[in-house]
C-alpha atoms as a PDB file:
ATOM      1  CA  UNK A   1     -21.144 381.976 130.693  1.00  0.00           C
ATOM      2  CA  UNK A   2     -21.194 382.815 126.986  1.00  0.00           C
ATOM      3  CA  UNK A   3     -19.073 385.253 125.138  1.00  0.00           C
ATOM      4  CA  UNK A   4     -20.691 387.290 122.387  1.00  0.00           C
ATOM      5  CA  UNK A   5     -18.973 389.206 119.601  1.00  0.00           C
ATOM      6  CA  UNK A   6     -20.965 391.461 117.241  1.00  0.00           C
ATOM      7  CA  UNK A   7     -19.860 392.339 113.697  1.00  0.00           C
ATOM      8  CA  UNK A   8     -21.247 393.827 110.528  1.00  0.00           C
ATOM      9  CA  UNK A   9     -21.879 397.369 111.606  1.00  0.00           C
ATOM     10  CA  UNK A  10     -20.703 400.283 109.530  1.00  0.00           C
ATOM     11  CA  UNK A  11     -21.779 403.377 107.558  1.00  0.00           C
ATOM     12  CA  UNK A  12     -24.719 403.148 105.196  1.00  0.00           C
ATOM     13  CA  UNK A  13     -26.844 405.576 103.393  1.00  0.00           C
ATOM     14  CA  UNK A  14     -30.552 405.911 104.247  1.00  0.00           C
ATOM     15  CA  UNK A  15     -32.556 403.207 102.450  1.00  0.00           C
ATOM     16  CA  UNK A  16     -29.604 400.868 102.541  1.00  0.00           C
ATOM     17  CA  UNK A  17     -29.102 397.552 104.299  1.00  0.00           C
ATOM     18  CA  UNK A  18     -26.660 395.988 106.777  1.00  0.00           C
ATOM     19  CA  UNK A  19     -26.469 392.454 108.277  1.00  0.00           C
ATOM     20  CA  UNK A  20     -25.255 392.244 111.818  1.00  0.00           C
ATOM     21  CA  UNK A  21     -23.870 389.009 113.120  1.00  0.00           C
ATOM     22  CA  UNK A  22     -23.361 387.841 116.709  1.00  0.00           C
ATOM     23  CA  UNK A  23     -21.001 384.981 117.268  1.00  0.00           C
ATOM     24  CA  UNK A  24     -21.294 383.117 120.591  1.00  0.00           C
ATOM     25  CA  UNK A  25     -18.682 380.891 122.182  1.00  0.00           C
ATOM     26  CA  UNK A  26     -19.171 377.470 123.465  1.00  0.00           C
ATOM     27  CA  UNK A  27     -21.312 374.598 122.387  1.00  0.00           C
ATOM     28  CA  UNK A  28     -24.557 375.472 124.202  1.00  0.00           C
ATOM     29  CA  UNK A  29     -25.684 378.375 122.043  1.00  0.00           C
ATOM     30  CA  UNK A  30     -28.986 376.739 121.455  1.00  0.00           C
ATOM     31  CA  UNK A  31     -29.656 376.891 125.181  1.00  0.00           C
ATOM     32  CA  UNK A  32     -29.993 380.694 125.030  1.00  0.00           C
ATOM     33  CA  UNK A  33     -32.723 383.028 123.819  1.00  0.00           C
ATOM     34  CA  UNK A  34     -31.088 385.879 121.964  1.00  0.00           C
ATOM     35  CA  UNK A  35     -31.873 389.557 121.500  1.00  0.00           C
ATOM     36  CA  UNK A  36     -30.681 392.685 119.760  1.00  0.00           C
ATOM     37  CA  UNK A  37     -30.590 395.978 121.521  1.00  0.00           C
ATOM     38  CA  UNK A  38     -29.562 399.410 120.444  1.00  0.00           C
ATOM     39  CA  UNK A  39     -28.489 402.682 122.152  1.00  0.00           C
ATOM     40  CA  UNK A  40     -28.017 405.977 120.488  1.00  0.00           C
ATOM     41  CA  UNK A  41     -26.080 408.764 122.151  1.00  0.00           C
ATOM     42  CA  UNK A  42     -28.018 410.460 124.839  1.00  0.00           C
ATOM     43  CA  UNK A  43     -30.842 407.911 124.603  1.00  0.00           C
ATOM     44  CA  UNK A  44     -31.953 404.891 126.522  1.00  0.00           C
ATOM     45  CA  UNK A  45     -31.075 401.433 125.435  1.00  0.00           C
ATOM     46  CA  UNK A  46     -34.002 399.905 123.552  1.00  0.00           C
ATOM     47  CA  UNK A  47     -34.961 396.411 122.571  1.00  0.00           C
ATOM     48  CA  UNK A  48     -34.857 395.880 118.801  1.00  0.00           C
ATOM     49  CA  UNK A  49     -35.611 392.147 118.258  1.00  0.00           C
ATOM     50  CA  UNK A  50     -35.540 388.791 120.038  1.00  0.00           C
ATOM     51  CA  UNK A  51     -35.558 385.194 119.136  1.00  0.00           C
ATOM     52  CA  UNK A  52     -36.201 382.073 121.055  1.00  0.00           C
ATOM     53  CA  UNK A  53     -33.800 379.095 121.212  1.00  0.00           C
ATOM     54  CA  UNK A  54     -35.032 377.273 118.182  1.00  0.00           C
ATOM     55  CA  UNK A  55     -35.681 380.354 116.039  1.00  0.00           C
ATOM     56  CA  UNK A  56     -39.422 379.502 115.796  1.00  0.00           C
ATOM     57  CA  UNK A  57     -40.584 382.581 117.658  1.00  0.00           C
ATOM     58  CA  UNK A  58     -39.479 386.168 117.135  1.00  0.00           C
ATOM     59  CA  UNK A  59     -40.178 389.569 118.568  1.00  0.00           C
ATOM     60  CA  UNK A  60     -39.750 393.016 116.906  1.00  0.00           C
ATOM     61  CA  UNK A  61     -40.003 396.517 118.196  1.00  0.00           C
ATOM     62  CA  UNK A  62     -42.554 398.533 116.351  1.00  0.00           C
ATOM     63  CA  UNK A  63     -40.048 400.839 114.933  1.00  0.00           C
ATOM     64  CA  UNK A  64     -38.304 398.078 113.050  1.00  0.00           C
ATOM     65  CA  UNK A  65     -41.244 395.870 111.999  1.00  0.00           C
ATOM     66  CA  UNK A  66     -41.214 395.234 108.311  1.00  0.00           C
ATOM     67  CA  UNK A  67     -37.671 396.374 108.060  1.00  0.00           C
ATOM     68  CA  UNK A  68     -35.530 394.123 110.245  1.00  0.00           C
ATOM     69  CA  UNK A  69     -35.309 390.412 110.513  1.00  0.00           C
ATOM     70  CA  UNK A  70     -33.765 388.433 113.290  1.00  0.00           C
ATOM     71  CA  UNK A  71     -32.571 384.903 112.717  1.00  0.00           C
ATOM     72  CA  UNK A  72     -30.232 382.390 114.082  1.00  0.00           C
ATOM     73  CA  UNK A  73     -28.054 379.472 112.985  1.00  0.00           C
ATOM     74  CA  UNK A  74     -27.492 377.260 116.019  1.00  0.00           C
ATOM     75  CA  UNK A  75     -25.072 375.198 114.031  1.00  0.00           C
ATOM     76  CA  UNK A  76     -22.863 378.176 113.626  1.00  0.00           C
ATOM     77  CA  UNK A  77     -23.503 379.586 117.116  1.00  0.00           C
ATOM     78  CA  UNK A  78     -24.628 382.853 115.479  1.00  0.00           C
ATOM     79  CA  UNK A  79     -27.603 385.199 115.521  1.00  0.00           C
ATOM     80  CA  UNK A  80     -28.190 387.713 112.801  1.00  0.00           C
ATOM     81  CA  UNK A  81     -30.070 390.990 112.350  1.00  0.00           C
ATOM     82  CA  UNK A  82     -30.851 391.819 108.792  1.00  0.00           C
ATOM     83  CA  UNK A  83     -31.545 395.542 108.598  1.00  0.00           C
ATOM     84  CA  UNK A  84     -33.273 396.888 105.537  1.00  0.00           C
ATOM     85  CA  UNK A  85     -34.653 400.301 104.575  1.00  0.00           C
ATOM     86  CA  UNK A  86     -32.353 401.902 107.130  1.00  0.00           C
ATOM     87  CA  UNK A  87     -33.192 405.311 108.488  1.00  0.00           C
ATOM     88  CA  UNK A  88     -30.955 407.930 110.073  1.00  0.00           C
ATOM     89  CA  UNK A  89     -32.847 407.349 113.343  1.00  0.00           C
ATOM     90  CA  UNK A  90     -31.505 403.752 113.252  1.00  0.00           C
ATOM     91  CA  UNK A  91     -28.065 405.109 113.993  1.00  0.00           C
ATOM     92  CA  UNK A  92     -26.876 403.565 117.286  1.00  0.00           C
ATOM     93  CA  UNK A  93     -24.547 401.041 118.832  1.00  0.00           C
ATOM     94  CA  UNK A  94     -26.206 397.659 118.377  1.00  0.00           C
ATOM     95  CA  UNK A  95     -25.712 395.004 121.065  1.00  0.00           C
ATOM     96  CA  UNK A  96     -26.242 391.335 121.036  1.00  0.00           C
ATOM     97  CA  UNK A  97     -27.547 389.717 124.235  1.00  0.00           C
ATOM     98  CA  UNK A  98     -28.176 386.318 125.606  1.00  0.00           C
ATOM     99  CA  UNK A  99     -30.324 384.758 128.278  1.00  0.00           C
ATOM    100  CA  UNK A 100     -31.263 381.372 129.479  1.00  0.00           C
ATOM    101  CA  UNK A 101     -34.795 380.651 128.303  1.00  0.00           C
ATOM    102  CA  UNK A 102     -35.800 380.162 131.951  1.00  0.00           C
ATOM    103  CA  UNK A 103     -34.594 383.597 133.005  1.00  0.00           C
ATOM    104  CA  UNK A 104     -36.160 386.938 132.474  1.00  0.00           C
ATOM    105  CA  UNK A 105     -33.014 389.062 132.223  1.00  0.00           C
ATOM    106  CA  UNK A 106     -30.429 389.206 129.480  1.00  0.00           C
ATOM    107  CA  UNK A 107     -27.305 388.323 131.447  1.00  0.00           C
ATOM    108  CA  UNK A 108     -24.649 388.309 128.655  1.00  0.00           C
ATOM    109  CA  UNK A 109     -23.795 391.066 126.325  1.00  0.00           C
ATOM    110  CA  UNK A 110     -21.524 391.674 123.408  1.00  0.00           C
ATOM    111  CA  UNK A 111     -19.304 394.716 122.959  1.00  0.00           C
ATOM    112  CA  UNK A 112     -21.585 396.398 120.455  1.00  0.00           C
ATOM    113  CA  UNK A 113     -21.119 397.402 116.853  1.00  0.00           C
ATOM    114  CA  UNK A 114     -21.712 400.940 115.547  1.00  0.00           C
ATOM    115  CA  UNK A 115     -24.307 401.441 112.824  1.00  0.00           C
ATOM    116  CA  UNK A 116     -24.388 404.871 111.271  1.00  0.00           C
ATOM    117  CA  UNK A 117     -27.024 405.766 108.691  1.00  0.00           C
ATOM    118  CA  UNK A 118     -26.521 408.907 106.721  1.00  0.00           C
ATOM    119  CA  UNK A 119     -29.142 411.080 105.177  1.00  0.00           C
END
């Protein structure tokens, strides 16, 4: 198992930036592919970004391309989501998730961090 703790959420004005962090427990962080998801009230959870074990391959949802950047620092057991040009529709609880690279499902989830973007 791996324990995930998100941080960095908060209130920001439209057009502003936030950097989310997800700290993972243990010494095997590099064994996991990581992803960021978000869920707004009354809406379905959606994938935001993902990154492979080494950080050499990334995925972004269309609605964040060009604005968000996912990265990881395996030495620090941390994955990041740099969010720029934030929009009110980005308001959601953002979750960090982990999966073994050999698995399809994300099996480990953080508690979430609230991101609120005001107009």
